[in-house]
Protein backbone atom coordinates (compact mmCIF):
# COMPACT_ATOMS: atom_id res chain seq x y z
CA MET A 1 0.00 0.00 0.00
CA GLU A 2 2.90 2.35 0.74
CA ARG A 3 3.91 2.32 -2.93
CA THR A 4 0.38 3.13 -4.08
CA ILE A 5 0.58 6.82 -3.21
CA LEU A 6 4.27 7.38 -3.78
CA ASN A 7 4.85 5.50 -6.99
CA THR A 8 1.70 4.52 -8.82
CA SER A 9 -1.14 6.93 -8.03
CA ARG A 10 -2.21 9.99 -9.93
CA VAL A 11 -3.63 12.56 -7.52
CA ALA A 12 -5.78 15.58 -8.31
CA VAL A 13 -6.20 18.51 -5.95
CA ALA A 14 -9.31 20.60 -6.63
CA GLY A 15 -8.80 24.04 -5.14
CA LEU A 16 -5.29 25.42 -4.70
CA GLY A 17 -5.65 27.70 -1.71
CA LEU A 18 -3.90 27.20 1.61
CA LEU A 19 -5.14 23.65 2.19
CA GLY A 20 -5.00 22.38 -1.38
CA GLY A 21 -1.74 24.09 -2.19
CA SER A 22 -0.15 22.58 0.90
CA ILE A 23 -1.29 19.08 -0.12
CA ALA A 24 0.08 19.53 -3.63
CA LYS A 25 3.42 20.76 -2.29
CA ARG A 26 3.69 17.82 0.09
CA LEU A 27 2.79 15.30 -2.62
CA THR A 28 5.44 16.72 -4.92
CA ARG A 29 8.02 16.66 -2.13
CA ILE A 30 7.40 13.01 -1.25
CA GLY A 31 7.47 11.90 -4.86
CA ALA A 32 3.91 11.09 -5.86
CA ARG A 33 3.75 9.82 -9.43
CA SER A 34 1.61 12.66 -10.77
CA VAL A 35 0.03 15.69 -9.08
CA PHE A 36 -2.63 17.55 -11.01
CA GLY A 37 -4.47 20.71 -10.04
CA ILE A 38 -7.99 21.96 -10.70
CA ALA A 39 -8.82 25.62 -10.16
CA ARG A 40 -11.04 28.31 -11.68
CA ARG A 41 -8.23 30.85 -11.98
CA THR A 42 -5.74 29.96 -14.66
CA GLU A 43 -3.13 32.27 -13.15
CA VAL A 44 -3.13 30.15 -9.98
CA LEU A 45 -2.67 26.99 -12.02
CA GLN A 46 0.14 28.60 -13.97
CA ALA A 47 1.87 29.77 -10.80
CA ALA A 48 1.66 26.26 -9.33
CA CYS A 49 3.05 24.69 -12.49
CA ASP A 50 5.82 27.28 -12.75
CA ALA A 51 6.80 26.49 -9.15
CA ASP A 52 6.87 22.75 -9.98
CA ILE A 53 4.08 22.09 -7.49
CA LEU A 54 1.95 20.48 -10.21
CA GLU A 55 2.68 18.33 -13.20
CA ALA A 56 -0.28 19.93 -14.95
CA GLY A 57 -3.50 21.75 -14.19
CA SER A 58 -6.79 22.72 -15.76
CA ASP A 59 -9.82 24.87 -15.10
CA ASN A 60 -11.89 22.09 -16.70
CA PRO A 61 -12.33 19.19 -14.25
CA ALA A 62 -13.37 16.85 -17.07
CA GLU A 63 -9.78 16.97 -18.32
CA ILE A 64 -8.35 15.76 -15.00
CA LEU A 65 -10.87 13.65 -13.08
CA PRO A 66 -11.10 10.70 -15.53
CA VAL A 67 -7.37 9.95 -15.28
CA VAL A 68 -6.66 10.18 -11.54
CA ASP A 69 -6.83 7.60 -8.76
CA LEU A 70 -7.43 9.99 -5.87
CA THR A 71 -9.13 13.38 -5.87
CA VAL A 72 -8.82 15.68 -2.86
CA ILE A 73 -11.42 18.45 -2.94
CA CYS A 74 -10.19 21.55 -1.11
CA LEU A 75 -13.11 23.90 -1.61
CA PRO A 76 -15.59 25.47 0.81
CA LEU A 77 -18.31 23.08 1.95
CA THR A 78 -21.14 24.14 -0.34
CA ALA A 79 -18.76 24.49 -3.28
CA SER A 80 -17.39 20.98 -2.62
CA VAL A 81 -20.87 19.47 -2.73
CA ALA A 82 -21.71 21.39 -5.90
CA PHE A 83 -18.42 20.35 -7.53
CA ILE A 84 -19.03 16.67 -6.88
CA LYS A 85 -22.63 16.79 -8.09
CA GLN A 86 -21.73 18.72 -11.22
CA HIS A 87 -18.82 16.47 -12.18
CA ALA A 88 -19.96 13.13 -10.75
CA LYS A 89 -19.81 11.39 -14.11
CA SER A 90 -16.25 12.57 -14.75
CA PHE A 91 -14.63 10.74 -11.83
CA ARG A 92 -12.85 7.55 -12.86
CA ALA A 93 -14.69 4.39 -11.77
CA GLY A 94 -12.77 2.74 -8.94
CA SER A 95 -11.14 5.97 -7.83
CA LEU A 96 -11.29 7.50 -4.36
CA VAL A 97 -12.56 10.99 -3.51
CA THR A 98 -12.19 12.90 -0.27
CA ASP A 99 -12.66 16.48 0.90
CA VAL A 100 -11.18 18.64 3.66
CA GLY A 101 -14.31 20.37 4.96
CA SER A 102 -14.84 20.88 8.68
CA VAL A 103 -18.40 19.49 8.60
CA LYS A 104 -18.87 15.91 7.51
CA GLY A 105 -22.45 14.74 8.01
CA SER A 106 -24.07 16.97 5.39
CA VAL A 107 -21.35 16.33 2.82
CA VAL A 108 -21.45 12.55 3.24
CA ARG A 109 -25.26 12.53 3.00
CA GLU A 110 -25.31 14.61 -0.15
CA VAL A 111 -22.52 13.09 -2.24
CA ARG A 112 -21.57 9.59 -1.08
CA ASP A 113 -24.39 7.74 -2.81
CA ILE A 114 -24.09 9.86 -5.96
CA LEU A 115 -20.45 8.83 -6.35
CA PHE A 116 -21.05 5.25 -5.26
CA ASN A 117 -23.59 4.86 -8.04
CA GLN A 118 -20.78 5.86 -10.44
CA GLY A 119 -18.46 3.24 -8.96
CA VAL A 120 -16.47 5.87 -7.05
CA TYR A 121 -15.64 5.82 -3.34
CA PHE A 122 -16.17 8.91 -1.19
CA ILE A 123 -14.78 9.10 2.35
CA GLY A 124 -14.79 12.40 4.22
CA SER A 125 -11.65 13.91 5.73
CA HIS A 126 -11.15 16.86 8.04
CA PRO A 127 -7.61 18.05 8.76
CA MET A 128 -7.43 20.19 11.91
CA ALA A 129 -5.02 22.60 10.29
CA GLY A 130 -5.45 26.07 8.93
CA SER A 131 -4.72 29.73 9.31
CA GLU A 132 -6.43 33.07 9.10
CA LYS A 133 -4.31 33.49 5.95
CA SER A 134 -5.41 32.03 2.64
CA GLY A 135 -4.18 31.41 -0.88
CA LEU A 136 -1.51 29.38 -2.64
CA GLU A 137 1.13 31.90 -1.61
CA HIS A 138 0.66 30.91 2.05
CA SER A 139 0.63 27.14 1.45
CA ASP A 140 3.22 24.99 3.19
CA ALA A 141 4.27 21.40 2.55
CA ASP A 142 4.50 20.93 6.33
CA LEU A 143 1.05 22.37 7.12
CA TYR A 144 -0.31 18.96 8.14
CA GLN A 145 2.74 17.77 10.03
CA ASP A 146 1.64 16.36 13.41
CA ARG A 147 -1.88 17.74 12.94
CA ILE A 148 -4.95 15.63 13.61
CA VAL A 149 -6.98 14.52 10.60
CA PHE A 150 -10.38 12.92 11.09
CA LEU A 151 -11.73 10.33 8.65
CA THR A 152 -15.48 9.73 8.71
CA PRO A 153 -16.15 6.48 6.85
CA THR A 154 -19.56 4.86 6.98
CA GLU A 155 -20.11 1.24 7.99
CA ASP A 156 -20.58 0.38 4.31
CA ASP A 157 -17.24 1.76 3.09
CA GLU A 158 -14.60 -0.67 1.88
CA PRO A 159 -11.80 -1.16 4.45
CA GLU A 160 -9.24 -1.03 1.63
CA ALA A 161 -10.43 2.43 0.60
CA VAL A 162 -10.33 3.66 4.19
CA GLU A 163 -6.82 2.28 4.61
CA LEU A 164 -5.66 3.96 1.40
CA LEU A 165 -6.95 7.30 2.63
CA ARG A 166 -5.30 6.74 6.00
CA ILE A 167 -1.97 6.13 4.27
CA PHE A 168 -2.43 9.28 2.21
CA TRP A 169 -2.84 11.42 5.34
CA ASP A 170 -0.01 9.58 7.07
CA GLN A 171 2.18 10.72 4.22
CA MET A 172 0.97 14.27 4.72
CA GLY A 173 2.54 13.94 8.18
CA ALA A 174 -0.80 13.89 10.00
CA GLN A 175 -2.14 11.91 12.96
CA VAL A 176 -5.22 10.08 11.66
CA TYR A 177 -8.34 9.24 13.68
CA GLU A 178 -11.67 7.76 12.59
CA LEU A 179 -15.00 9.09 13.87
CA PRO A 180 -18.60 8.68 12.72
CA ALA A 181 -19.68 11.86 10.94
CA ASN A 182 -22.30 12.84 13.53
CA ARG A 183 -19.86 12.46 16.42
CA HIS A 184 -17.25 14.46 14.49
CA ASP A 185 -19.67 17.30 13.79
CA ALA A 186 -20.74 17.52 17.43
CA ALA A 187 -17.12 17.59 18.56
CA VAL A 188 -15.97 20.32 16.18
CA SER A 189 -19.01 22.44 16.98
CA ARG A 190 -17.73 22.66 20.56
CA ALA A 191 -14.00 22.71 19.92
CA SER A 192 -13.84 24.86 16.78
CA HIS A 193 -17.06 26.32 15.41
CA VAL A 194 -18.59 27.92 18.51
CA PRO A 195 -15.20 29.28 19.66
CA HIS A 196 -14.97 31.08 16.32
CA LEU A 197 -18.43 32.56 16.75
CA LEU A 198 -17.65 33.64 20.31
CA SER A 199 -14.39 35.21 19.18
CA SER A 200 -16.25 37.26 16.58
CA VAL A 201 -18.85 38.41 19.13
CA LEU A 202 -16.09 39.35 21.57
CA VAL A 203 -14.34 41.49 18.95
CA SER A 204 -17.60 43.34 18.28
CA THR A 205 -18.17 43.82 22.02
CA VAL A 206 -14.72 45.29 22.56
CA LEU A 207 -14.11 47.23 19.35
CA ASP A 208 -17.63 48.31 18.37
CA ASP A 209 -19.44 48.89 21.65
CA GLY A 210 -18.85 50.91 24.81
CA ASP A 211 -15.82 53.16 25.36
CA VAL A 212 -14.04 51.92 22.25
CA ASP A 213 -11.11 54.36 22.46
CA ALA A 214 -10.19 53.22 25.96
CA GLN A 215 -10.91 49.57 25.18
CA ARG A 216 -8.60 49.58 22.18
CA LEU A 217 -5.79 50.81 24.43
CA ALA A 218 -6.62 48.14 27.02
CA CYS A 219 -6.41 45.26 24.53
CA ALA A 220 -3.33 43.19 25.32
CA GLY A 221 -2.21 39.58 25.05
CA GLY A 222 -5.46 38.03 26.24
CA PHE A 223 -7.56 39.87 23.67
CA ARG A 224 -5.01 39.13 20.97
CA ASP A 225 -5.08 35.41 21.72
CA VAL A 226 -8.86 35.10 21.92
CA SER A 227 -9.56 37.32 18.90
CA ARG A 228 -7.02 35.84 16.46
CA ILE A 229 -9.43 33.39 14.89
CA ALA A 230 -11.97 36.16 14.20
CA ALA A 231 -9.63 37.33 11.41
CA ALA A 232 -10.56 34.36 9.19
CA GLN A 233 -12.70 34.68 6.06
CA PRO A 234 -16.36 35.37 6.99
CA GLN A 235 -17.88 33.67 3.94
CA MET A 236 -16.08 30.41 4.67
CA TRP A 237 -17.31 30.42 8.26
CA LEU A 238 -20.85 31.30 7.25
CA ASP A 239 -20.75 28.17 5.09
CA ILE A 240 -19.58 26.11 8.06
CA PHE A 241 -22.38 27.38 10.29
CA ARG A 242 -24.96 26.59 7.61
CA HIS A 243 -23.76 23.00 7.34
CA ASN A 244 -23.40 22.41 11.08
CA LYS A 245 -26.32 24.54 12.30
CA GLN A 246 -27.93 22.02 14.67
CA SER A 247 -24.72 21.02 16.42
CA VAL A 248 -23.70 24.66 16.81
CA LEU A 249 -27.08 25.56 18.32
CA GLU A 250 -26.82 22.67 20.78
CA THR A 251 -23.33 23.79 21.76
CA LEU A 252 -24.51 27.37 22.25
CA ASP A 253 -27.21 26.04 24.61
CA ALA A 254 -24.58 24.20 26.63
CA PHE A 255 -22.30 27.25 26.67
CA ASP A 256 -25.13 29.55 27.71
CA ALA A 257 -26.01 27.27 30.63
CA LYS A 258 -22.43 27.36 31.91
CA LEU A 259 -22.20 31.12 31.35
CA GLN A 260 -25.38 31.65 33.36
CA THR A 261 -23.91 29.59 36.19
CA ALA A 262 -20.82 31.78 36.21
CA ARG A 263 -22.93 34.93 36.01
CA ALA A 264 -25.06 33.81 38.96
CA ALA A 265 -21.94 33.19 41.03
CA LEU A 266 -20.72 36.70 40.22
CA GLU A 267 -24.08 38.37 40.89
CA ASN A 268 -24.47 36.57 44.21
CA GLU A 269 -20.84 37.20 45.16
CA ASN A 270 -20.36 33.48 45.53
CA TRP A 271 -16.61 33.75 45.19
CA ASP A 272 -15.98 30.13 46.15
CA ALA A 273 -18.18 28.93 43.29
CA LEU A 274 -16.53 31.33 40.85
CA GLU A 275 -13.07 30.25 41.99
CA GLN A 276 -14.07 26.64 41.42
CA ILE A 277 -15.16 27.45 37.85
CA LEU A 278 -11.88 29.24 37.13
CA SER A 279 -9.71 26.59 38.79
CA GLN A 280 -11.42 23.71 37.04
CA ALA A 281 -11.02 25.42 33.68
CA ARG A 282 -7.35 26.09 34.34
CA ASP A 283 -6.67 22.47 35.35
CA GLN A 284 -8.57 21.08 32.36
CA ARG A 285 -6.84 23.40 29.91
CA CYS A 286 -3.37 22.59 31.29
CA ALA A 287 -4.07 18.85 31.17
CA TRP A 288 -5.32 19.13 27.58
CA PHE A 289 -2.31 21.16 26.50
CA ASP A 290 0.09 18.66 28.08
CA ASP A 291 -1.56 15.84 26.15
CA PHE A 292 -2.02 17.63 22.82
CA SER A 293 0.58 20.39 22.73
CA SER A 294 1.84 19.27 19.30
CA THR A 295 -1.67 19.68 17.85
CA ALA A 296 -2.84 22.61 19.96
CA GLU A 297 -2.73 25.41 17.42
CA PRO A 298 -6.32 26.65 16.99
CA GLU A 299 -7.96 25.96 13.66
CA THR A 300 -9.17 29.00 11.76
CA GLY A 301 -9.78 27.45 8.40
CA GLU A 302 -11.61 24.44 7.11
């Protein structure tokens, strides 16, 4: 199986932004047989070819998809679904398709059967890697090194296809874990999606409400850390919230309940209860960081 990716597979990357460009760079570095790119902007394709990131590229997926063994779709969630539906008949029978979106349930429901009916395997992926920066110019062959990547196969997926995708992400340098799509979506709503929404609301509270002049001066390291992820692209995050709406709402309910508990402790001057909340959070955060410090950089992209 090791030789499949390195020596015999043709791989297409659809979307050459930060995530897709980083995959293409890594594939080229590790010696994949052929790396092709698909993008709407011909200047991006040309830049990638000129930099020897791609063997070839096209803005017409029908020129690439029929000849590749693995297609990695690195587009926003809604665009990924639309791409697969529009070009379903172009994928080579027997090939494997994955995506990098941060919501998996809706994508799997909408495209898996469509591709399966064409003899094509679809297994969802979600690399926990990203940045508030975007574009091919910010891509990095080491972007996925030591980062967690979730695979969300269904019970009906072929073990051989799952193993092939696992090897692919291993070769990206990632740590690979399997989760059912619904469990994945619930987890990222708490660990990634709601934190982004809260960060955005905090920025508005500090920089657009109250004594803004004084508050801007008072912003220091804490505000900088908490607000960093609010700098990511709004349209991409709007897409994420659309696809993971129910899980995000459930997480907001859980957050609101805990916030109300903390508020009640403050209002009632129950300092022991408030100290317990703060101490527990500190201990849990420190324990998490000790366990996952190599994968602890917050995700700001898909």
